[in-house]
Amino acid sequence: MRPLVPIGRFSQVTRISVSLLRHYDEIGLLKPAHIEPSGYRYYSLSQAQDAERIRWLRSLDFSLEAIRDLLQIQDPLELQRRMQQHRDQLEKELVQLQQKIAALEEPPHLLLSRHEVFVREEEGWHAITHTETSTFLQIQQNLGALFASLYRRAADLNLRPNGAPFLMYHDQEFREEDLTVEAGIPVVAPSKDCPEVQMFPTGLVLHTLHSGPYDALSGAYTALLEGMQGLGHGPAGPPREVYLIGPSQVAAAQQYRTEVCWPIR
């Protein structure tokens, strides 16, 4: 019979607390070599190596479930694949963490920003657009490619861009799924009839300039709605975000500039 040590001594050797060893037993990660009828746990010293592996994998932010799977893998290639998978995930998290650190180096735009609201009369304008329904996440991820395709289409039609790209939201409420948007590129009015060009009529627009990342745009929309109420106006069409400065021009999201416009009546 292998020499056994009580849970307290095993805890001392492995530097894993008794309560954590009990938890590992309950989830089947590191079960005692022997349990007395009284419930007291004993471990073999040969299990210390498994305990050390668990401690090391936990220090690398593997979940307990993932560790349990890893300890059962015998194929070195599969083990290497799983480790690479985890590395890729950590690198993604590192990029996100670096973005958060960079955001903290800038002025706290969300805490200090104030959206000034203005009214202007927009003369009729032209654009080529594309409407699609998708998830909010997919729209965000594909927006750059969508604008690029609109610029190519404008070039194919010999249309000259006449402003920053925009995105209009046609739904009456925000949706994570089945969100209908219309992306567009303003263009100079064509000299001859062009079915692909849409005409937007003259009308009043309430607008504000947002400085900073897109995930803080809700403050701009709130300011516009407050402005409408204060002026006694209501929406006359879908709002649109005009991307004056975005990720294609600057790296830091704090430098983005987005005009949010809302037609009013």
C-alpha atoms as a PDB file:
ATOM      1  CA  MET A   1       0.000   0.000   0.000  1.00  0.00           C
ATOM      2  CA  ARG A   2       1.270   3.471  -0.896  1.00  0.00           C
ATOM      3  CA  PRO A   3       2.229   5.660   2.055  1.00  0.00           C
ATOM      4  CA  LEU A   4      -0.548   8.147   2.695  1.00  0.00           C
ATOM      5  CA  VAL A   5      -0.574  11.522   4.400  1.00  0.00           C
ATOM      6  CA  PRO A   6      -3.563  13.320   5.923  1.00  0.00           C
ATOM      7  CA  ILE A   7      -5.130  16.224   4.086  1.00  0.00           C
ATOM      8  CA  GLY A   8      -3.538  18.814   6.377  1.00  0.00           C
ATOM      9  CA  ARG A   9      -0.006  17.572   5.710  1.00  0.00           C
ATOM     10  CA  PHE A  10      -0.747  17.236   1.992  1.00  0.00           C
ATOM     11  CA  SER A  11      -1.980  20.831   2.040  1.00  0.00           C
ATOM     12  CA  GLN A  12       1.249  21.909   3.700  1.00  0.00           C
ATOM     13  CA  VAL A  13       3.371  20.097   1.114  1.00  0.00           C
ATOM     14  CA  THR A  14       1.438  21.267  -1.960  1.00  0.00           C
ATOM     15  CA  ARG A  15       0.594  24.765  -0.649  1.00  0.00           C
ATOM     16  CA  ILE A  16      -3.050  24.259  -1.557  1.00  0.00           C
ATOM     17  CA  SER A  17      -5.536  25.081   1.190  1.00  0.00           C
ATOM     18  CA  VAL A  18      -7.571  22.295   2.795  1.00  0.00           C
ATOM     19  CA  SER A  19     -10.823  23.931   1.686  1.00  0.00           C
ATOM     20  CA  LEU A  20      -9.582  24.037  -1.919  1.00  0.00           C
ATOM     21  CA  LEU A  21      -8.465  20.397  -1.772  1.00  0.00           C
ATOM     22  CA  ARG A  22     -11.965  19.470  -0.595  1.00  0.00           C
ATOM     23  CA  HIS A  23     -13.420  21.435  -3.520  1.00  0.00           C
ATOM     24  CA  TYR A  24     -11.095  19.682  -5.970  1.00  0.00           C
ATOM     25  CA  ASP A  25     -12.346  16.381  -4.581  1.00  0.00           C
ATOM     26  CA  GLU A  26     -15.991  17.391  -4.991  1.00  0.00           C
ATOM     27  CA  ILE A  27     -15.546  18.329  -8.653  1.00  0.00           C
ATOM     28  CA  GLY A  28     -13.414  15.267  -9.448  1.00  0.00           C
ATOM     29  CA  LEU A  29     -10.233  17.208 -10.164  1.00  0.00           C
ATOM     30  CA  LEU A  30      -7.994  15.727  -7.456  1.00  0.00           C
ATOM     31  CA  LYS A  31      -9.600  12.966  -5.476  1.00  0.00           C
ATOM     32  CA  PRO A  32      -8.010  11.612  -2.260  1.00  0.00           C
ATOM     33  CA  ALA A  33      -6.296   8.238  -2.407  1.00  0.00           C
ATOM     34  CA  HIS A  34      -8.326   7.153   0.603  1.00  0.00           C
ATOM     35  CA  ILE A  35     -11.276   8.460   2.614  1.00  0.00           C
ATOM     36  CA  GLU A  36     -11.976   7.200   6.112  1.00  0.00           C
ATOM     37  CA  PRO A  37     -15.558   6.281   7.086  1.00  0.00           C
ATOM     38  CA  SER A  38     -15.460   9.448   9.155  1.00  0.00           C
ATOM     39  CA  GLY A  39     -14.887  11.424   5.926  1.00  0.00           C
ATOM     40  CA  TYR A  40     -11.255  12.292   6.668  1.00  0.00           C
ATOM     41  CA  ARG A  41      -9.185  12.436   3.509  1.00  0.00           C
ATOM     42  CA  TYR A  42      -5.734  10.973   2.864  1.00  0.00           C
ATOM     43  CA  TYR A  43      -3.505  11.566  -0.126  1.00  0.00           C
ATOM     44  CA  SER A  44      -0.568   9.756  -1.672  1.00  0.00           C
ATOM     45  CA  LEU A  45       2.609  11.802  -2.002  1.00  0.00           C
ATOM     46  CA  SER A  46       2.670  10.763  -5.669  1.00  0.00           C
ATOM     47  CA  GLN A  47      -0.415  12.994  -6.067  1.00  0.00           C
ATOM     48  CA  ALA A  48       1.685  16.041  -5.213  1.00  0.00           C
ATOM     49  CA  GLN A  49       2.820  16.170  -8.836  1.00  0.00           C
ATOM     50  CA  ASP A  50      -0.805  16.432  -9.991  1.00  0.00           C
ATOM     51  CA  ALA A  51      -1.386  19.124  -7.380  1.00  0.00           C
ATOM     52  CA  GLU A  52       1.603  21.057  -8.709  1.00  0.00           C
ATOM     53  CA  ARG A  53       0.291  20.758 -12.284  1.00  0.00           C
ATOM     54  CA  ILE A  54      -3.075  22.077 -11.144  1.00  0.00           C
ATOM     55  CA  ARG A  55      -1.475  25.018  -9.341  1.00  0.00           C
ATOM     56  CA  TRP A  56       0.593  25.857 -12.417  1.00  0.00           C
ATOM     57  CA  LEU A  57      -2.350  25.653 -14.821  1.00  0.00           C
ATOM     58  CA  ARG A  58      -4.472  27.784 -12.477  1.00  0.00           C
ATOM     59  CA  SER A  59      -1.717  30.413 -12.488  1.00  0.00           C
ATOM     60  CA  LEU A  60      -2.129  30.511 -16.286  1.00  0.00           C
ATOM     61  CA  ASP A  61      -5.878  31.217 -15.907  1.00  0.00           C
ATOM     62  CA  PHE A  62      -7.101  27.812 -17.053  1.00  0.00           C
ATOM     63  CA  SER A  63     -10.554  27.047 -15.694  1.00  0.00           C
ATOM     64  CA  LEU A  64     -10.913  24.075 -13.352  1.00  0.00           C
ATOM     65  CA  GLU A  65     -12.999  22.304 -15.980  1.00  0.00           C
ATOM     66  CA  ALA A  66     -10.273  22.848 -18.598  1.00  0.00           C
ATOM     67  CA  ILE A  67      -7.610  21.605 -16.162  1.00  0.00           C
ATOM     68  CA  ARG A  68      -9.579  18.447 -15.507  1.00  0.00           C
ATOM     69  CA  ASP A  69      -9.693  17.778 -19.261  1.00  0.00           C
ATOM     70  CA  LEU A  70      -5.981  18.563 -19.735  1.00  0.00           C
ATOM     71  CA  LEU A  71      -4.883  16.167 -17.016  1.00  0.00           C
ATOM     72  CA  GLN A  72      -6.674  13.338 -18.818  1.00  0.00           C
ATOM     73  CA  ILE A  73      -5.077  13.966 -22.229  1.00  0.00           C
ATOM     74  CA  GLN A  74      -2.382  11.474 -23.192  1.00  0.00           C
ATOM     75  CA  ASP A  75      -1.731  12.644 -26.770  1.00  0.00           C
ATOM     76  CA  PRO A  76       1.131  15.236 -26.802  1.00  0.00           C
ATOM     77  CA  LEU A  77      -0.158  16.821 -30.026  1.00  0.00           C
ATOM     78  CA  GLU A  78      -3.639  17.304 -28.587  1.00  0.00           C
ATOM     79  CA  LEU A  79      -2.130  18.733 -25.413  1.00  0.00           C
ATOM     80  CA  GLN A  80      -0.076  21.170 -27.475  1.00  0.00           C
ATOM     81  CA  ARG A  81      -3.171  22.177 -29.459  1.00  0.00           C
ATOM     82  CA  ARG A  82      -5.115  22.935 -26.274  1.00  0.00           C
ATOM     83  CA  MET A  83      -2.245  24.973 -24.855  1.00  0.00           C
ATOM     84  CA  GLN A  84      -1.977  26.978 -28.089  1.00  0.00           C
ATOM     85  CA  GLN A  85      -5.725  27.580 -27.989  1.00  0.00           C
ATOM     86  CA  HIS A  86      -5.402  29.011 -24.501  1.00  0.00           C
ATOM     87  CA  ARG A  87      -2.443  31.131 -25.537  1.00  0.00           C
ATOM     88  CA  ASP A  88      -4.474  32.615 -28.392  1.00  0.00           C
ATOM     89  CA  GLN A  89      -7.244  33.491 -25.946  1.00  0.00           C
ATOM     90  CA  LEU A  90      -4.780  35.121 -23.541  1.00  0.00           C
ATOM     91  CA  GLU A  91      -3.338  37.197 -26.393  1.00  0.00           C
ATOM     92  CA  LYS A  92      -6.854  38.437 -27.233  1.00  0.00           C
ATOM     93  CA  GLU A  93      -7.419  39.351 -23.607  1.00  0.00           C
ATOM     94  CA  LEU A  94      -4.042  41.102 -23.549  1.00  0.00           C
ATOM     95  CA  VAL A  95      -5.052  43.296 -26.488  1.00  0.00           C
ATOM     96  CA  GLN A  96      -8.313  44.160 -24.727  1.00  0.00           C
ATOM     97  CA  LEU A  97      -6.435  44.930 -21.511  1.00  0.00           C
ATOM     98  CA  GLN A  98      -3.965  47.158 -23.369  1.00  0.00           C
ATOM     99  CA  GLN A  99      -6.890  49.033 -24.918  1.00  0.00           C
ATOM    100  CA  LYS A 100      -8.369  49.611 -21.464  1.00  0.00           C
ATOM    101  CA  ILE A 101      -5.010  50.832 -20.137  1.00  0.00           C
ATOM    102  CA  ALA A 102      -4.709  53.201 -23.107  1.00  0.00           C
ATOM    103  CA  ALA A 103      -8.229  54.476 -22.427  1.00  0.00           C
ATOM    104  CA  LEU A 104      -7.231  55.330 -18.850  1.00  0.00           C
ATOM    105  CA  GLU A 105      -4.368  57.480 -20.143  1.00  0.00           C
ATOM    106  CA  GLU A 106      -6.856  59.747 -21.914  1.00  0.00           C
ATOM    107  CA  PRO A 107      -9.223  62.227 -20.229  1.00  0.00           C
ATOM    108  CA  PRO A 108     -12.289  60.454 -18.784  1.00  0.00           C
ATOM    109  CA  HIS A 109     -14.555  61.363 -21.703  1.00  0.00           C
ATOM    110  CA  LEU A 110     -17.569  59.477 -20.383  1.00  0.00           C
ATOM    111  CA  LEU A 111     -17.426  61.270 -17.032  1.00  0.00           C
ATOM    112  CA  LEU A 112     -16.604  64.723 -18.358  1.00  0.00           C
ATOM    113  CA  SER A 113     -18.162  64.868 -21.814  1.00  0.00           C
ATOM    114  CA  ARG A 114     -21.114  67.118 -22.479  1.00  0.00           C
ATOM    115  CA  HIS A 115     -22.945  66.858 -25.763  1.00  0.00           C
ATOM    116  CA  GLU A 116     -23.977  70.258 -27.079  1.00  0.00           C
ATOM    117  CA  VAL A 117     -27.041  69.994 -29.276  1.00  0.00           C
ATOM    118  CA  PHE A 118     -27.692  72.186 -32.323  1.00  0.00           C
ATOM    119  CA  VAL A 119     -30.412  72.537 -34.956  1.00  0.00           C
ATOM    120  CA  ARG A 120     -29.659  73.004 -38.638  1.00  0.00           C
ATOM    121  CA  GLU A 121     -31.578  72.869 -41.854  1.00  0.00           C
ATOM    122  CA  GLU A 122     -30.108  70.298 -44.195  1.00  0.00           C
ATOM    123  CA  GLU A 123     -30.507  70.880 -47.889  1.00  0.00           C
ATOM    124  CA  GLY A 124     -31.405  67.850 -49.965  1.00  0.00           C
ATOM    125  CA  TRP A 125     -28.486  65.494 -50.428  1.00  0.00           C
ATOM    126  CA  HIS A 126     -27.616  62.305 -52.300  1.00  0.00           C
ATOM    127  CA  ALA A 127     -26.056  59.009 -51.245  1.00  0.00           C
ATOM    128  CA  ILE A 128     -25.576  55.434 -52.261  1.00  0.00           C
ATOM    129  CA  THR A 129     -26.684  53.096 -49.512  1.00  0.00           C
ATOM    130  CA  HIS A 130     -26.975  49.475 -48.533  1.00  0.00           C
ATOM    131  CA  THR A 131     -29.612  48.148 -46.101  1.00  0.00           C
ATOM    132  CA  GLU A 132     -29.208  44.922 -44.189  1.00  0.00           C
ATOM    133  CA  THR A 133     -30.543  43.134 -41.125  1.00  0.00           C
ATOM    134  CA  SER A 134     -28.058  41.384 -38.879  1.00  0.00           C
ATOM    135  CA  THR A 135     -26.839  41.169 -35.294  1.00  0.00           C
ATOM    136  CA  PHE A 136     -25.430  44.295 -33.667  1.00  0.00           C
ATOM    137  CA  LEU A 137     -22.058  42.566 -33.227  1.00  0.00           C
ATOM    138  CA  GLN A 138     -21.824  41.493 -36.873  1.00  0.00           C
ATOM    139  CA  ILE A 139     -22.749  44.982 -38.059  1.00  0.00           C
ATOM    140  CA  GLN A 140     -19.974  46.470 -35.923  1.00  0.00           C
ATOM    141  CA  GLN A 141     -17.445  43.922 -37.179  1.00  0.00           C
ATOM    142  CA  ASN A 142     -18.391  44.276 -40.865  1.00  0.00           C
ATOM    143  CA  LEU A 143     -18.959  48.034 -41.061  1.00  0.00           C
ATOM    144  CA  GLY A 144     -15.494  48.883 -42.399  1.00  0.00           C
ATOM    145  CA  ALA A 145     -15.795  46.296 -45.178  1.00  0.00           C
ATOM    146  CA  LEU A 146     -19.312  47.526 -45.981  1.00  0.00           C
ATOM    147  CA  PHE A 147     -18.134  51.125 -46.368  1.00  0.00           C
ATOM    148  CA  ALA A 148     -15.233  49.952 -48.539  1.00  0.00           C
ATOM    149  CA  SER A 149     -17.665  48.150 -50.855  1.00  0.00           C
ATOM    150  CA  LEU A 150     -19.825  51.304 -51.092  1.00  0.00           C
ATOM    151  CA  TYR A 151     -16.796  53.404 -52.042  1.00  0.00           C
ATOM    152  CA  ARG A 152     -15.939  50.854 -54.743  1.00  0.00           C
ATOM    153  CA  ARG A 153     -19.498  50.953 -56.052  1.00  0.00           C
ATOM    154  CA  ALA A 154     -19.394  54.762 -56.150  1.00  0.00           C
ATOM    155  CA  ALA A 155     -16.168  54.597 -58.167  1.00  0.00           C
ATOM    156  CA  ASP A 156     -17.704  52.060 -60.583  1.00  0.00           C
ATOM    157  CA  LEU A 157     -20.643  54.456 -61.126  1.00  0.00           C
ATOM    158  CA  ASN A 158     -18.321  57.457 -61.544  1.00  0.00           C
ATOM    159  CA  LEU A 159     -19.842  59.085 -58.470  1.00  0.00           C
ATOM    160  CA  ARG A 160     -17.758  61.453 -56.362  1.00  0.00           C
ATOM    161  CA  PRO A 161     -17.994  61.032 -52.557  1.00  0.00           C
ATOM    162  CA  ASN A 162     -19.266  64.158 -50.847  1.00  0.00           C
ATOM    163  CA  GLY A 163     -18.933  63.575 -47.112  1.00  0.00           C
ATOM    164  CA  ALA A 164     -18.168  61.047 -44.400  1.00  0.00           C
ATOM    165  CA  PRO A 165     -19.771  57.586 -44.334  1.00  0.00           C
ATOM    166  CA  PHE A 166     -22.847  57.128 -42.186  1.00  0.00           C
ATOM    167  CA  LEU A 167     -25.075  54.499 -40.641  1.00  0.00           C
ATOM    168  CA  MET A 168     -28.820  54.878 -40.036  1.00  0.00           C
ATOM    169  CA  TYR A 169     -30.799  52.782 -37.543  1.00  0.00           C
ATOM    170  CA  HIS A 170     -34.305  51.967 -38.791  1.00  0.00           C
ATOM    171  CA  ASP A 171     -35.643  50.107 -35.754  1.00  0.00           C
ATOM    172  CA  GLN A 172     -37.695  51.917 -33.120  1.00  0.00           C
ATOM    173  CA  GLU A 173     -35.739  50.150 -30.371  1.00  0.00           C
ATOM    174  CA  PHE A 174     -32.246  48.751 -29.886  1.00  0.00           C
ATOM    175  CA  ARG A 175     -31.846  45.060 -30.735  1.00  0.00           C
ATOM    176  CA  GLU A 176     -28.933  42.699 -30.308  1.00  0.00           C
ATOM    177  CA  GLU A 177     -30.455  40.484 -33.017  1.00  0.00           C
ATOM    178  CA  ASP A 178     -32.324  41.329 -36.227  1.00  0.00           C
ATOM    179  CA  LEU A 179     -31.129  44.942 -36.251  1.00  0.00           C
ATOM    180  CA  THR A 180     -31.902  46.774 -39.506  1.00  0.00           C
ATOM    181  CA  VAL A 181     -29.387  49.415 -40.558  1.00  0.00           C
ATOM    182  CA  GLU A 182     -28.663  51.428 -43.680  1.00  0.00           C
ATOM    183  CA  ALA A 183     -25.026  52.241 -44.420  1.00  0.00           C
ATOM    184  CA  GLY A 184     -24.267  54.987 -46.899  1.00  0.00           C
ATOM    185  CA  ILE A 185     -21.769  57.265 -48.624  1.00  0.00           C
ATOM    186  CA  PRO A 186     -22.861  60.827 -49.523  1.00  0.00           C
ATOM    187  CA  VAL A 187     -22.130  61.596 -53.177  1.00  0.00           C
ATOM    188  CA  VAL A 188     -22.282  64.611 -55.462  1.00  0.00           C
ATOM    189  CA  ALA A 189     -25.626  64.720 -57.287  1.00  0.00           C
ATOM    190  CA  PRO A 190     -25.234  62.726 -60.526  1.00  0.00           C
ATOM    191  CA  SER A 191     -25.530  64.602 -63.808  1.00  0.00           C
ATOM    192  CA  LYS A 192     -27.929  61.982 -65.158  1.00  0.00           C
ATOM    193  CA  ASP A 193     -30.498  59.676 -63.630  1.00  0.00           C
ATOM    194  CA  CYS A 194     -28.882  56.934 -61.523  1.00  0.00           C
ATOM    195  CA  PRO A 195     -31.214  54.413 -59.845  1.00  0.00           C
ATOM    196  CA  GLU A 196     -28.531  53.490 -57.313  1.00  0.00           C
ATOM    197  CA  VAL A 197     -28.441  57.007 -55.856  1.00  0.00           C
ATOM    198  CA  GLN A 198     -30.920  57.860 -53.131  1.00  0.00           C
ATOM    199  CA  MET A 199     -32.161  61.424 -52.575  1.00  0.00           C
ATOM    200  CA  PHE A 200     -32.626  62.635 -48.995  1.00  0.00           C
ATOM    201  CA  PRO A 201     -34.991  65.623 -48.709  1.00  0.00           C
ATOM    202  CA  THR A 202     -34.379  69.029 -47.179  1.00  0.00           C
ATOM    203  CA  GLY A 203     -35.351  69.193 -43.517  1.00  0.00           C
ATOM    204  CA  LEU A 204     -34.483  70.137 -39.962  1.00  0.00           C
ATOM    205  CA  VAL A 205     -31.897  68.039 -38.163  1.00  0.00           C
ATOM    206  CA  LEU A 206     -30.869  67.979 -34.520  1.00  0.00           C
ATOM    207  CA  HIS A 207     -27.193  67.094 -34.236  1.00  0.00           C
ATOM    208  CA  THR A 208     -24.346  66.744 -31.748  1.00  0.00           C
ATOM    209  CA  LEU A 209     -20.669  65.828 -31.918  1.00  0.00           C
ATOM    210  CA  HIS A 210     -19.456  62.821 -29.955  1.00  0.00           C
ATOM    211  CA  SER A 211     -15.760  62.487 -29.093  1.00  0.00           C
ATOM    212  CA  GLY A 212     -14.547  59.036 -28.066  1.00  0.00           C
ATOM    213  CA  PRO A 213     -15.336  55.357 -28.566  1.00  0.00           C
ATOM    214  CA  TYR A 214     -18.535  54.114 -30.147  1.00  0.00           C
ATOM    215  CA  ASP A 215     -19.629  52.220 -27.036  1.00  0.00           C
ATOM    216  CA  ALA A 216     -20.247  55.588 -25.320  1.00  0.00           C
ATOM    217  CA  LEU A 217     -22.544  56.960 -28.052  1.00  0.00           C
ATOM    218  CA  SER A 218     -25.639  56.514 -25.892  1.00  0.00           C
ATOM    219  CA  GLY A 219     -24.823  59.849 -24.236  1.00  0.00           C
ATOM    220  CA  ALA A 220     -25.176  61.593 -27.604  1.00  0.00           C
ATOM    221  CA  TYR A 221     -28.576  60.003 -28.230  1.00  0.00           C
ATOM    222  CA  THR A 222     -29.758  60.969 -24.750  1.00  0.00           C
ATOM    223  CA  ALA A 223     -28.694  64.569 -25.371  1.00  0.00           C
ATOM    224  CA  LEU A 224     -30.574  64.644 -28.691  1.00  0.00           C
ATOM    225  CA  LEU A 225     -33.784  63.302 -27.140  1.00  0.00           C
ATOM    226  CA  GLU A 226     -33.533  65.831 -24.328  1.00  0.00           C
ATOM    227  CA  GLY A 227     -32.993  68.531 -26.966  1.00  0.00           C
ATOM    228  CA  MET A 228     -36.092  67.438 -28.869  1.00  0.00           C
ATOM    229  CA  GLN A 229     -38.212  67.566 -25.743  1.00  0.00           C
ATOM    230  CA  GLY A 230     -36.841  70.951 -24.780  1.00  0.00           C
ATOM    231  CA  LEU A 231     -37.546  72.410 -28.234  1.00  0.00           C
ATOM    232  CA  GLY A 232     -40.936  70.752 -28.575  1.00  0.00           C
ATOM    233  CA  HIS A 233     -39.938  68.636 -31.581  1.00  0.00           C
ATOM    234  CA  GLY A 234     -40.276  64.946 -32.380  1.00  0.00           C
ATOM    235  CA  PRO A 235     -38.323  62.529 -34.620  1.00  0.00           C
ATOM    236  CA  ALA A 236     -39.021  62.799 -38.346  1.00  0.00           C
ATOM    237  CA  GLY A 237     -36.916  59.806 -39.395  1.00  0.00           C
ATOM    238  CA  PRO A 238     -34.202  57.430 -38.279  1.00  0.00           C
ATOM    239  CA  PRO A 239     -31.065  58.781 -36.584  1.00  0.00           C
ATOM    240  CA  ARG A 240     -27.748  58.477 -38.331  1.00  0.00           C
ATOM    241  CA  GLU A 241     -24.161  58.296 -37.148  1.00  0.00           C
ATOM    242  CA  VAL A 242     -21.675  60.138 -39.358  1.00  0.00           C
ATOM    243  CA  TYR A 243     -18.151  58.799 -38.874  1.00  0.00           C
ATOM    244  CA  LEU A 244     -15.962  61.886 -39.249  1.00  0.00           C
ATOM    245  CA  ILE A 245     -12.844  60.309 -37.719  1.00  0.00           C
ATOM    246  CA  GLY A 246     -12.725  56.577 -37.074  1.00  0.00           C
ATOM    247  CA  PRO A 247     -10.483  53.522 -36.885  1.00  0.00           C
ATOM    248  CA  SER A 248      -9.278  53.923 -40.474  1.00  0.00           C
ATOM    249  CA  GLN A 249      -7.718  57.297 -39.562  1.00  0.00           C
ATOM    250  CA  VAL A 250      -6.608  56.965 -35.920  1.00  0.00           C
ATOM    251  CA  ALA A 251      -5.635  54.073 -33.641  1.00  0.00           C
ATOM    252  CA  ALA A 252      -6.982  55.352 -30.319  1.00  0.00           C
ATOM    253  CA  ALA A 253     -10.762  55.156 -29.860  1.00  0.00           C
ATOM    254  CA  GLN A 254     -10.598  58.286 -27.693  1.00  0.00           C
ATOM    255  CA  GLN A 255      -9.772  60.234 -30.880  1.00  0.00           C
ATOM    256  CA  TYR A 256     -12.878  59.095 -32.789  1.00  0.00           C
ATOM    257  CA  ARG A 257     -15.267  61.873 -33.809  1.00  0.00           C
ATOM    258  CA  THR A 258     -18.845  60.963 -34.659  1.00  0.00           C
ATOM    259  CA  GLU A 259     -21.661  63.326 -35.516  1.00  0.00           C
ATOM    260  CA  VAL A 260     -25.055  61.972 -34.493  1.00  0.00           C
ATOM    261  CA  CYS A 261     -27.924  63.505 -36.481  1.00  0.00           C
ATOM    262  CA  TRP A 262     -31.665  63.060 -35.987  1.00  0.00           C
ATOM    263  CA  PRO A 263     -34.245  64.524 -38.386  1.00  0.00           C
ATOM    264  CA  ILE A 264     -36.966  66.426 -36.503  1.00  0.00           C
ATOM    265  CA  ARG A 265     -40.370  67.888 -37.249  1.00  0.00           C
END
